[in-house]
Amino acid sequence: MRADLFSILILAAVIASTQALPNYSQCLDCFYTNRTNAYFCQSSLQCLGIKNPNCPSNQIVLKNYQCIEGYAECQNFTFTSLSPGTVYQNSVGLLPGYGCFIQIDRLFDGGYGTLQITFENPSVLVFDEYNKQYQSNDQLGLILNEDGWGPRKVFVVNSDPDSILGFTAVYSQGIISKINLIATTALVMIVLSLNII
């Protein structure tokens, strides 16, 4: 009798804690479909235009990373000149509502590299500033800017309210010679000079 009562209390606590979770799935969907000019209202569970005043200020969520339950640890990667042509993989499991940031960058003399996020479940969302419709296995490269190849940062999150989901981050380092580096730098300088004129 006492064991049955204890089991019922545990079940009630689990159900209550599940119902107490904020609706991060709707919040994440708001930011995934509306990357700019939108916010999520916690009290109405609506995605609203940034100028819409129909949400109390203490209920406004402005960024996708404010939707999640917690953070997981993901591996960043810096491409160097020591191991050109190498591929590294890192598998990550995300609890429901958890996410992580992944950044790729390079040392000045390092090679060019890419990041691929591989997943099977569409509830794994990849927020990338440049590829707003990321699909599993899309390659994300370093960002070309006035200083050469700059870093790239993505936010990966599990929007499924019920399941632990996983993904694999694949870091691929290309081979870049000094001639290619000089040619790329010259191309950047030409493009920048055209923009100035």
N, C-alpha and C. Protein backbone atom coordinates (compact mmCIF):
# COMPACT_ATOMS: atom_id res chain seq x y z
N MET A 1 0.83 -1.20 0.00
CA MET A 1 0.00 0.00 0.00
C MET A 1 0.87 1.25 0.00
N ARG A 2 1.87 1.25 0.88
CA ARG A 2 2.75 2.41 0.98
C ARG A 2 3.56 2.59 -0.31
N ALA A 3 4.02 1.48 -0.91
CA ALA A 3 4.78 1.53 -2.17
C ALA A 3 3.91 2.06 -3.29
N ASP A 4 2.63 1.65 -3.31
CA ASP A 4 1.71 2.15 -4.35
C ASP A 4 1.49 3.65 -4.21
N LEU A 5 1.34 4.13 -2.99
CA LEU A 5 1.15 5.56 -2.74
C LEU A 5 2.39 6.34 -3.18
N PHE A 6 3.57 5.78 -2.87
CA PHE A 6 4.81 6.42 -3.27
C PHE A 6 4.92 6.49 -4.80
N SER A 7 4.55 5.41 -5.49
CA SER A 7 4.58 5.39 -6.96
C SER A 7 3.62 6.41 -7.55
N ILE A 8 2.45 6.55 -6.95
CA ILE A 8 1.47 7.54 -7.43
C ILE A 8 2.00 8.95 -7.23
N LEU A 9 2.64 9.21 -6.08
CA LEU A 9 3.21 10.54 -5.84
C LEU A 9 4.33 10.87 -6.84
N ILE A 10 5.16 9.89 -7.14
CA ILE A 10 6.23 10.11 -8.12
C ILE A 10 5.63 10.38 -9.50
N LEU A 11 4.63 9.61 -9.90
CA LEU A 11 3.97 9.83 -11.18
C LEU A 11 3.34 11.21 -11.24
N ALA A 12 2.70 11.64 -10.17
CA ALA A 12 2.09 12.97 -10.13
C ALA A 12 3.15 14.06 -10.24
N ALA A 13 4.30 13.86 -9.58
CA ALA A 13 5.38 14.85 -9.66
C ALA A 13 5.94 14.94 -11.07
N VAL A 14 6.08 13.79 -11.73
CA VAL A 14 6.59 13.79 -13.12
C VAL A 14 5.62 14.50 -14.04
N ILE A 15 4.33 14.23 -13.91
CA ILE A 15 3.32 14.89 -14.74
C ILE A 15 3.30 16.38 -14.47
N ALA A 16 3.37 16.77 -13.21
CA ALA A 16 3.35 18.20 -12.86
C ALA A 16 4.58 18.91 -13.42
N SER A 17 5.75 18.26 -13.32
CA SER A 17 6.95 18.92 -13.83
C SER A 17 6.92 19.03 -15.35
N THR A 18 6.31 18.04 -16.01
CA THR A 18 6.18 18.11 -17.47
C THR A 18 5.26 19.25 -17.87
N GLN A 19 4.16 19.44 -17.16
CA GLN A 19 3.23 20.51 -17.48
C GLN A 19 3.81 21.88 -17.12
N ALA A 20 4.77 21.93 -16.20
CA ALA A 20 5.33 23.21 -15.77
C ALA A 20 6.36 23.76 -16.75
N LEU A 21 6.84 22.93 -17.68
CA LEU A 21 7.84 23.39 -18.64
C LEU A 21 7.23 24.44 -19.56
N PRO A 22 7.97 25.52 -19.83
CA PRO A 22 7.48 26.49 -20.80
C PRO A 22 7.46 25.85 -22.19
N ASN A 23 6.67 26.39 -23.07
CA ASN A 23 6.53 25.81 -24.40
C ASN A 23 7.66 26.27 -25.31
N TYR A 24 8.84 25.70 -25.10
CA TYR A 24 10.01 26.09 -25.88
C TYR A 24 9.88 25.70 -27.34
N SER A 25 9.11 24.66 -27.64
CA SER A 25 8.96 24.22 -29.03
C SER A 25 8.32 25.32 -29.88
N GLN A 26 7.25 25.92 -29.37
CA GLN A 26 6.59 27.02 -30.09
C GLN A 26 7.50 28.24 -30.17
N CYS A 27 8.20 28.51 -29.10
CA CYS A 27 9.11 29.65 -29.07
C CYS A 27 10.22 29.48 -30.10
N LEU A 28 10.83 28.30 -30.16
CA LEU A 28 11.88 28.05 -31.14
C LEU A 28 11.36 28.12 -32.56
N ASP A 29 10.16 27.58 -32.78
CA ASP A 29 9.56 27.64 -34.11
C ASP A 29 9.34 29.08 -34.56
N CYS A 30 8.96 29.94 -33.62
CA CYS A 30 8.78 31.37 -33.92
C CYS A 30 10.05 31.95 -34.51
N PHE A 31 11.18 31.68 -33.87
CA PHE A 31 12.45 32.26 -34.33
C PHE A 31 13.03 31.52 -35.54
N TYR A 32 12.66 30.25 -35.71
CA TYR A 32 13.16 29.51 -36.86
C TYR A 32 12.48 29.97 -38.14
N THR A 33 11.19 30.28 -38.05
CA THR A 33 10.45 30.73 -39.24
C THR A 33 10.53 32.23 -39.44
N ASN A 34 10.82 32.98 -38.40
CA ASN A 34 10.93 34.45 -38.48
C ASN A 34 12.26 34.86 -37.88
N ARG A 35 13.30 34.87 -38.67
CA ARG A 35 14.65 35.14 -38.15
C ARG A 35 14.83 36.58 -37.69
N THR A 36 14.08 37.50 -38.26
CA THR A 36 14.19 38.90 -37.86
C THR A 36 12.80 39.48 -37.67
N ASN A 37 12.74 40.57 -36.97
CA ASN A 37 11.50 41.35 -36.80
C ASN A 37 10.37 40.58 -36.13
N ALA A 38 10.70 39.67 -35.21
CA ALA A 38 9.66 38.95 -34.48
C ALA A 38 10.14 38.69 -33.05
N TYR A 39 9.17 38.46 -32.18
CA TYR A 39 9.47 38.03 -30.82
C TYR A 39 8.39 37.04 -30.39
N PHE A 40 8.66 36.30 -29.33
CA PHE A 40 7.71 35.32 -28.81
C PHE A 40 7.14 35.85 -27.51
N CYS A 41 5.81 35.80 -27.40
CA CYS A 41 5.13 36.23 -26.18
C CYS A 41 4.80 34.99 -25.34
N GLN A 42 5.39 34.89 -24.16
CA GLN A 42 5.19 33.72 -23.30
C GLN A 42 3.75 33.59 -22.81
N SER A 43 3.11 34.70 -22.51
CA SER A 43 1.76 34.62 -21.94
C SER A 43 0.72 34.18 -22.96
N SER A 44 0.86 34.60 -24.21
CA SER A 44 -0.13 34.22 -25.23
C SER A 44 0.36 33.08 -26.13
N LEU A 45 1.62 32.68 -25.96
CA LEU A 45 2.25 31.64 -26.80
C LEU A 45 2.15 31.98 -28.28
N GLN A 46 2.36 33.27 -28.60
CA GLN A 46 2.26 33.73 -29.98
C GLN A 46 3.59 34.31 -30.45
N CYS A 47 3.80 34.18 -31.74
CA CYS A 47 4.93 34.82 -32.39
C CYS A 47 4.39 36.13 -32.95
N LEU A 48 4.94 37.24 -32.50
CA LEU A 48 4.41 38.55 -32.87
C LEU A 48 5.48 39.39 -33.57
N GLY A 49 5.00 40.30 -34.41
CA GLY A 49 5.91 41.24 -35.07
C GLY A 49 6.56 42.13 -34.03
N ILE A 50 7.79 42.52 -34.28
CA ILE A 50 8.59 43.26 -33.31
C ILE A 50 7.92 44.56 -32.86
N LYS A 51 7.08 45.14 -33.69
CA LYS A 51 6.40 46.38 -33.32
C LYS A 51 5.02 46.15 -32.71
N ASN A 52 4.62 44.90 -32.55
CA ASN A 52 3.32 44.58 -31.97
C ASN A 52 3.38 44.77 -30.45
N PRO A 53 2.52 45.65 -29.89
CA PRO A 53 2.58 45.94 -28.45
C PRO A 53 1.72 45.02 -27.58
N ASN A 54 1.17 43.94 -28.14
CA ASN A 54 0.20 43.12 -27.43
C ASN A 54 0.81 42.03 -26.55
N CYS A 55 1.88 42.35 -25.85
CA CYS A 55 2.48 41.39 -24.93
C CYS A 55 3.10 42.17 -23.78
N PRO A 56 2.86 41.75 -22.54
CA PRO A 56 3.51 42.43 -21.41
C PRO A 56 5.03 42.35 -21.54
N SER A 57 5.71 43.41 -21.19
CA SER A 57 7.16 43.47 -21.41
C SER A 57 7.92 42.36 -20.68
N ASN A 58 7.41 41.89 -19.56
CA ASN A 58 8.11 40.82 -18.83
C ASN A 58 7.83 39.43 -19.42
N GLN A 59 7.04 39.36 -20.48
CA GLN A 59 6.72 38.09 -21.13
C GLN A 59 7.35 37.97 -22.52
N ILE A 60 8.15 38.97 -22.91
CA ILE A 60 8.73 39.01 -24.25
C ILE A 60 10.04 38.22 -24.29
N VAL A 61 10.15 37.34 -25.29
CA VAL A 61 11.38 36.59 -25.56
C VAL A 61 11.90 37.12 -26.89
N LEU A 62 13.12 37.68 -26.88
CA LEU A 62 13.67 38.33 -28.07
C LEU A 62 14.64 37.48 -28.89
N LYS A 63 15.22 36.45 -28.29
CA LYS A 63 16.25 35.66 -28.97
C LYS A 63 15.96 34.17 -28.86
N ASN A 64 16.37 33.41 -29.86
CA ASN A 64 16.12 31.97 -29.87
C ASN A 64 16.75 31.26 -28.67
N TYR A 65 17.92 31.68 -28.25
CA TYR A 65 18.59 31.00 -27.13
C TYR A 65 17.90 31.28 -25.79
N GLN A 66 16.96 32.23 -25.75
CA GLN A 66 16.20 32.48 -24.53
C GLN A 66 15.02 31.51 -24.40
N CYS A 67 14.74 30.74 -25.45
CA CYS A 67 13.63 29.78 -25.44
C CYS A 67 13.97 28.48 -24.72
N ILE A 68 15.24 28.14 -24.68
CA ILE A 68 15.60 26.77 -24.32
C ILE A 68 15.62 26.53 -22.81
N GLU A 69 15.59 25.25 -22.48
CA GLU A 69 15.62 24.80 -21.09
C GLU A 69 17.02 24.83 -20.51
N GLY A 70 18.02 24.57 -21.34
CA GLY A 70 19.39 24.53 -20.85
C GLY A 70 20.37 24.33 -21.99
N TYR A 71 21.65 24.34 -21.64
CA TYR A 71 22.71 24.23 -22.63
C TYR A 71 23.45 22.91 -22.50
N ALA A 72 23.80 22.36 -23.63
CA ALA A 72 24.66 21.18 -23.69
C ALA A 72 26.05 21.64 -24.09
N GLU A 73 27.02 20.78 -23.88
CA GLU A 73 28.39 21.12 -24.26
C GLU A 73 28.66 20.60 -25.66
N CYS A 74 29.02 21.49 -26.56
CA CYS A 74 29.39 21.12 -27.92
C CYS A 74 30.82 21.56 -28.18
N GLN A 75 31.45 20.92 -29.14
CA GLN A 75 32.86 21.17 -29.42
C GLN A 75 33.02 22.21 -30.52
N ASN A 76 33.76 23.27 -30.22
CA ASN A 76 34.18 24.22 -31.25
C ASN A 76 35.40 23.63 -31.96
N PHE A 77 35.76 24.23 -33.10
CA PHE A 77 36.91 23.70 -33.82
C PHE A 77 37.68 24.82 -34.49
N THR A 78 39.00 24.77 -34.35
CA THR A 78 39.89 25.73 -35.00
C THR A 78 40.73 24.98 -36.03
N PHE A 79 40.66 25.42 -37.28
CA PHE A 79 41.43 24.80 -38.35
C PHE A 79 42.85 25.37 -38.33
N THR A 80 43.83 24.48 -38.38
CA THR A 80 45.24 24.87 -38.32
C THR A 80 45.96 24.37 -39.58
N SER A 81 47.23 24.67 -39.67
CA SER A 81 48.03 24.20 -40.80
C SER A 81 48.61 22.81 -40.54
N LEU A 82 48.37 22.25 -39.37
CA LEU A 82 49.01 21.00 -38.98
C LEU A 82 48.38 19.75 -39.58
N SER A 83 47.09 19.80 -39.90
CA SER A 83 46.44 18.57 -40.37
C SER A 83 45.48 18.84 -41.53
N PRO A 84 46.01 19.29 -42.68
CA PRO A 84 45.13 19.55 -43.81
C PRO A 84 44.50 18.27 -44.33
N GLY A 85 43.26 18.38 -44.79
CA GLY A 85 42.55 17.24 -45.35
C GLY A 85 41.96 16.30 -44.31
N THR A 86 41.99 16.67 -43.05
CA THR A 86 41.51 15.82 -41.98
C THR A 86 40.03 16.06 -41.70
N VAL A 87 39.32 14.99 -41.31
CA VAL A 87 37.91 15.09 -40.95
C VAL A 87 37.76 14.62 -39.50
N TYR A 88 37.10 15.42 -38.68
CA TYR A 88 36.83 15.09 -37.29
C TYR A 88 35.32 15.01 -37.09
N GLN A 89 34.87 14.11 -36.22
CA GLN A 89 33.45 13.98 -35.92
C GLN A 89 33.23 14.06 -34.42
N ASN A 90 32.10 14.66 -34.05
CA ASN A 90 31.72 14.75 -32.65
C ASN A 90 30.21 14.51 -32.55
N SER A 91 29.81 13.45 -31.86
CA SER A 91 28.39 13.15 -31.68
C SER A 91 27.89 13.77 -30.39
N VAL A 92 26.70 14.36 -30.47
CA VAL A 92 26.12 15.08 -29.34
C VAL A 92 24.67 14.63 -29.16
N GLY A 93 24.27 14.39 -27.92
CA GLY A 93 22.87 14.12 -27.60
C GLY A 93 22.29 15.33 -26.88
N LEU A 94 21.10 15.73 -27.27
CA LEU A 94 20.45 16.89 -26.65
C LEU A 94 19.16 16.47 -25.96
N LEU A 95 19.03 16.82 -24.71
CA LEU A 95 17.78 16.62 -23.99
C LEU A 95 16.70 17.49 -24.61
N PRO A 96 15.42 17.18 -24.39
CA PRO A 96 14.36 18.04 -24.91
C PRO A 96 14.53 19.49 -24.44
N GLY A 97 14.50 20.41 -25.39
CA GLY A 97 14.62 21.83 -25.06
C GLY A 97 16.04 22.32 -24.83
N TYR A 98 17.04 21.48 -25.04
CA TYR A 98 18.43 21.87 -24.84
C TYR A 98 19.09 22.21 -26.17
N GLY A 99 20.10 23.06 -26.11
CA GLY A 99 20.82 23.45 -27.31
C GLY A 99 22.27 23.77 -27.00
N CYS A 100 23.03 24.04 -28.05
CA CYS A 100 24.43 24.41 -27.87
C CYS A 100 24.90 25.24 -29.05
N PHE A 101 25.93 26.03 -28.79
CA PHE A 101 26.57 26.82 -29.83
C PHE A 101 27.81 26.06 -30.31
N ILE A 102 28.05 26.11 -31.62
CA ILE A 102 29.27 25.55 -32.20
C ILE A 102 29.90 26.63 -33.07
N GLN A 103 31.20 26.83 -32.87
CA GLN A 103 31.91 27.82 -33.69
C GLN A 103 33.09 27.15 -34.37
N ILE A 104 33.26 27.49 -35.66
CA ILE A 104 34.47 27.09 -36.37
C ILE A 104 35.24 28.35 -36.70
N ASP A 105 36.57 28.25 -36.64
CA ASP A 105 37.42 29.37 -37.01
C ASP A 105 38.76 28.80 -37.46
N ARG A 106 39.70 29.67 -37.74
CA ARG A 106 40.99 29.19 -38.21
C ARG A 106 42.09 30.09 -37.67
N LEU A 107 43.28 29.51 -37.54
CA LEU A 107 44.46 30.31 -37.26
C LEU A 107 44.85 31.03 -38.54
N PHE A 108 45.65 32.07 -38.44
CA PHE A 108 46.03 32.85 -39.62
C PHE A 108 46.65 31.97 -40.71
N ASP A 109 47.48 31.01 -40.30
CA ASP A 109 48.11 30.14 -41.29
C ASP A 109 47.35 28.83 -41.50
N GLY A 110 46.16 28.74 -40.93
CA GLY A 110 45.38 27.51 -41.03
C GLY A 110 44.66 27.37 -42.35
N GLY A 111 44.21 26.16 -42.60
CA GLY A 111 43.46 25.88 -43.82
C GLY A 111 42.01 26.28 -43.69
N TYR A 112 41.34 26.26 -44.83
CA TYR A 112 39.91 26.52 -44.86
C TYR A 112 39.20 25.28 -44.34
N GLY A 113 38.07 25.46 -43.69
CA GLY A 113 37.34 24.31 -43.18
C GLY A 113 35.84 24.50 -43.23
N THR A 114 35.13 23.38 -43.09
CA THR A 114 33.67 23.41 -43.09
C THR A 114 33.13 22.62 -41.91
N LEU A 115 31.88 22.89 -41.61
CA LEU A 115 31.14 22.19 -40.57
C LEU A 115 29.87 21.64 -41.19
N GLN A 116 29.57 20.38 -40.90
CA GLN A 116 28.30 19.78 -41.29
C GLN A 116 27.62 19.27 -40.03
N ILE A 117 26.33 19.57 -39.90
CA ILE A 117 25.53 19.03 -38.82
C ILE A 117 24.64 17.95 -39.44
N THR A 118 24.80 16.71 -39.00
CA THR A 118 24.05 15.59 -39.54
C THR A 118 23.05 15.12 -38.50
N PHE A 119 21.78 15.02 -38.90
CA PHE A 119 20.73 14.57 -37.99
C PHE A 119 19.61 13.92 -38.79
N GLU A 120 18.80 13.11 -38.12
CA GLU A 120 17.69 12.42 -38.78
C GLU A 120 16.34 13.04 -38.46
N ASN A 121 16.18 13.58 -37.27
CA ASN A 121 14.89 14.10 -36.83
C ASN A 121 14.78 15.59 -37.14
N PRO A 122 13.70 16.02 -37.80
CA PRO A 122 13.55 17.44 -38.13
C PRO A 122 13.34 18.34 -36.92
N SER A 123 13.21 17.78 -35.74
CA SER A 123 13.10 18.60 -34.53
C SER A 123 14.46 19.11 -34.07
N VAL A 124 15.53 18.64 -34.70
CA VAL A 124 16.85 19.25 -34.48
C VAL A 124 16.90 20.47 -35.39
N LEU A 125 16.99 21.64 -34.79
CA LEU A 125 17.01 22.89 -35.55
C LEU A 125 18.41 23.48 -35.52
N VAL A 126 18.86 23.94 -36.68
CA VAL A 126 20.17 24.58 -36.79
C VAL A 126 19.93 26.03 -37.19
N PHE A 127 20.29 26.94 -36.29
CA PHE A 127 20.17 28.37 -36.55
C PHE A 127 21.51 28.87 -37.05
N ASP A 128 21.54 29.30 -38.30
CA ASP A 128 22.75 29.85 -38.90
C ASP A 128 22.37 31.17 -39.57
N GLU A 129 23.17 32.17 -39.35
CA GLU A 129 22.87 33.51 -39.87
C GLU A 129 22.85 33.56 -41.40
N TYR A 130 23.61 32.69 -42.05
CA TYR A 130 23.75 32.76 -43.50
C TYR A 130 22.92 31.70 -44.23
N ASN A 131 22.68 30.56 -43.63
CA ASN A 131 21.87 29.49 -44.22
C ASN A 131 20.63 29.33 -43.35
N LYS A 132 19.60 30.06 -43.68
CA LYS A 132 18.41 30.10 -42.83
C LYS A 132 17.49 28.88 -43.01
N GLN A 133 17.73 28.06 -44.02
CA GLN A 133 16.94 26.85 -44.24
C GLN A 133 17.84 25.61 -44.17
N TYR A 134 18.65 25.54 -43.14
CA TYR A 134 19.63 24.47 -43.02
C TYR A 134 18.96 23.10 -43.06
N GLN A 135 19.52 22.22 -43.87
CA GLN A 135 19.11 20.83 -43.95
C GLN A 135 20.28 19.96 -43.48
N SER A 136 19.97 18.79 -42.98
CA SER A 136 21.02 17.88 -42.53
C SER A 136 22.06 17.70 -43.62
N ASN A 137 23.32 17.76 -43.23
CA ASN A 137 24.49 17.57 -44.10
C ASN A 137 24.86 18.77 -44.95
N ASP A 138 24.15 19.89 -44.86
CA ASP A 138 24.60 21.10 -45.57
C ASP A 138 25.99 21.46 -45.04
N GLN A 139 26.86 21.90 -45.94
CA GLN A 139 28.19 22.33 -45.51
C GLN A 139 28.18 23.82 -45.20
N LEU A 140 28.71 24.16 -44.04
CA LEU A 140 28.83 25.55 -43.62
C LEU A 140 30.32 25.89 -43.56
N GLY A 141 30.72 26.83 -44.38
CA GLY A 141 32.13 27.20 -44.42
C GLY A 141 32.43 28.42 -43.58
N LEU A 142 33.69 28.71 -43.47
CA LEU A 142 34.11 29.95 -42.81
C LEU A 142 33.59 31.13 -43.61
N ILE A 143 33.45 32.27 -42.97
CA ILE A 143 32.88 33.46 -43.61
C ILE A 143 33.99 34.34 -44.16
N LEU A 144 33.89 34.68 -45.43
CA LEU A 144 34.87 35.55 -46.06
C LEU A 144 34.56 37.00 -45.70
N ASN A 145 35.52 37.68 -45.10
CA ASN A 145 35.36 39.10 -44.76
C ASN A 145 36.62 39.86 -45.14
N GLU A 146 36.70 41.13 -44.77
CA GLU A 146 37.83 41.96 -45.19
C GLU A 146 39.17 41.50 -44.62
N ASP A 147 39.15 40.70 -43.57
CA ASP A 147 40.38 40.20 -42.96
C ASP A 147 40.72 38.78 -43.41
N GLY A 148 39.96 38.23 -44.35
CA GLY A 148 40.17 36.85 -44.80
C GLY A 148 39.02 35.98 -44.33
N TRP A 149 39.34 34.75 -43.95
CA TRP A 149 38.30 33.82 -43.52
C TRP A 149 38.01 34.03 -42.04
N GLY A 150 36.77 34.42 -41.74
CA GLY A 150 36.37 34.67 -40.37
C GLY A 150 35.60 33.51 -39.78
N PRO A 151 35.33 33.56 -38.49
CA PRO A 151 34.63 32.47 -37.80
C PRO A 151 33.16 32.37 -38.21
N ARG A 152 32.59 31.22 -37.93
CA ARG A 152 31.16 31.00 -38.16
C ARG A 152 30.61 30.30 -36.93
N LYS A 153 29.48 30.80 -36.45
CA LYS A 153 28.87 30.26 -35.23
C LYS A 153 27.43 29.86 -35.54
N VAL A 154 27.05 28.65 -35.11
CA VAL A 154 25.68 28.16 -35.29
C VAL A 154 25.13 27.76 -33.92
N PHE A 155 23.81 27.73 -33.86
CA PHE A 155 23.11 27.31 -32.65
C PHE A 155 22.28 26.09 -33.01
N VAL A 156 22.51 24.97 -32.34
CA VAL A 156 21.81 23.71 -32.61
C VAL A 156 20.94 23.40 -31.40
N VAL A 157 19.67 23.06 -31.65
CA VAL A 157 18.75 22.86 -30.53
C VAL A 157 17.78 21.70 -30.82
N ASN A 158 17.37 21.03 -29.75
CA ASN A 158 16.35 19.98 -29.83
C ASN A 158 15.01 20.61 -29.46
N SER A 159 14.13 20.76 -30.45
CA SER A 159 12.83 21.38 -30.19
C SER A 159 11.75 20.35 -29.85
N ASP A 160 12.09 19.07 -29.85
CA ASP A 160 11.12 18.03 -29.52
C ASP A 160 10.86 18.03 -28.02
N PRO A 161 9.59 18.11 -27.60
CA PRO A 161 9.30 18.17 -26.16
C PRO A 161 9.43 16.83 -25.44
N ASP A 162 9.55 15.72 -26.19
CA ASP A 162 9.49 14.41 -25.56
C ASP A 162 10.73 13.53 -25.71
N SER A 163 11.57 13.81 -26.68
CA SER A 163 12.64 12.87 -27.01
C SER A 163 14.03 13.49 -26.90
N ILE A 164 14.97 12.66 -26.48
CA ILE A 164 16.38 13.04 -26.56
C ILE A 164 16.80 12.80 -28.00
N LEU A 165 17.35 13.82 -28.63
CA LEU A 165 17.75 13.71 -30.03
C LEU A 165 19.24 13.96 -30.16
N GLY A 166 19.82 13.35 -31.16
CA GLY A 166 21.25 13.50 -31.37
C GLY A 166 21.58 14.06 -32.74
N PHE A 167 22.81 14.53 -32.84
CA PHE A 167 23.35 14.97 -34.12
C PHE A 167 24.84 14.73 -34.10
N THR A 168 25.43 14.76 -35.28
CA THR A 168 26.87 14.64 -35.40
C THR A 168 27.41 15.88 -36.08
N ALA A 169 28.42 16.48 -35.47
CA ALA A 169 29.11 17.61 -36.07
C ALA A 169 30.35 17.06 -36.78
N VAL A 170 30.46 17.36 -38.07
CA VAL A 170 31.59 16.89 -38.87
C VAL A 170 32.41 18.11 -39.27
N TYR A 171 33.66 18.14 -38.82
CA TYR A 171 34.58 19.24 -39.11
C TYR A 171 35.55 18.76 -40.19
N SER A 172 35.52 19.39 -41.35
CA SER A 172 36.38 18.97 -42.47
C SER A 172 37.37 20.08 -42.78
N GLN A 173 38.63 19.76 -42.68
CA GLN A 173 39.67 20.75 -42.96
C GLN A 173 40.18 20.55 -44.37
N GLY A 174 40.07 21.60 -45.17
CA GLY A 174 40.55 21.54 -46.54
C GLY A 174 42.05 21.75 -46.61
N ILE A 175 42.55 21.56 -47.79
CA ILE A 175 43.97 21.78 -48.04
C ILE A 175 44.10 23.14 -48.70
N ILE A 176 44.88 24.01 -48.10
CA ILE A 176 45.09 25.33 -48.69
C ILE A 176 46.59 25.62 -48.72
N SER A 177 47.07 25.92 -49.87
CA SER A 177 48.49 26.22 -50.00
C SER A 177 48.70 27.71 -49.85
N LYS A 178 49.95 28.10 -49.72
CA LYS A 178 50.26 29.53 -49.60
C LYS A 178 49.86 30.27 -50.86
N ILE A 179 49.96 29.62 -52.02
CA ILE A 179 49.56 30.27 -53.28
C ILE A 179 48.05 30.55 -53.26
N ASN A 180 47.26 29.56 -52.81
CA ASN A 180 45.81 29.77 -52.71
C ASN A 180 45.48 30.86 -51.71
N LEU A 181 46.21 30.90 -50.61
CA LEU A 181 45.99 31.93 -49.59
C LEU A 181 46.27 33.31 -50.15
N ILE A 182 47.37 33.45 -50.90
CA ILE A 182 47.71 34.74 -51.51
C ILE A 182 46.66 35.13 -52.54
N ALA A 183 46.21 34.17 -53.36
CA ALA A 183 45.19 34.45 -54.37
C ALA A 183 43.88 34.87 -53.72
N THR A 184 43.48 34.20 -52.65
CA THR A 184 42.25 34.56 -51.94
C THR A 184 42.36 35.95 -51.34
N THR A 185 43.49 36.25 -50.74
CA THR A 185 43.70 37.58 -50.16
C THR A 185 43.64 38.65 -51.24
N ALA A 186 44.25 38.40 -52.39
CA ALA A 186 44.21 39.36 -53.50
C ALA A 186 42.78 39.57 -53.98
N LEU A 187 42.01 38.49 -54.07
CA LEU A 187 40.61 38.59 -54.49
C LEU A 187 39.80 39.42 -53.50
N VAL A 188 40.02 39.21 -52.22
CA VAL A 188 39.32 40.00 -51.20
C VAL A 188 39.66 41.47 -51.34
N MET A 189 40.92 41.77 -51.56
CA MET A 189 41.35 43.17 -51.71
C MET A 189 40.70 43.82 -52.94
N ILE A 190 40.60 43.07 -54.04
CA ILE A 190 39.96 43.61 -55.25
C ILE A 190 38.49 43.88 -54.99
N VAL A 191 37.79 42.94 -54.36
CA VAL A 191 36.37 43.12 -54.06
C VAL A 191 36.16 44.31 -53.14
N LEU A 192 37.00 44.44 -52.13
CA LEU A 192 36.87 45.57 -51.20
C LEU A 192 37.15 46.89 -51.90
N SER A 193 38.12 46.91 -52.80
CA SER A 193 38.42 48.17 -53.51
C SER A 193 37.28 48.56 -54.44
N LEU A 194 36.57 47.58 -55.01
CA LEU A 194 35.42 47.88 -55.86
C LEU A 194 34.26 48.44 -55.04
N ASN A 195 34.12 47.96 -53.82
CA ASN A 195 33.05 48.46 -52.94
C ASN A 195 33.33 49.87 -52.46
N ILE A 196 34.59 50.23 -52.36
CA ILE A 196 34.96 51.58 -51.89
C ILE A 196 34.75 52.60 -52.99
N ILE A 197 35.00 52.21 -54.23
CA ILE A 197 34.90 53.15 -55.36
C ILE A 197 33.49 53.54 -55.64
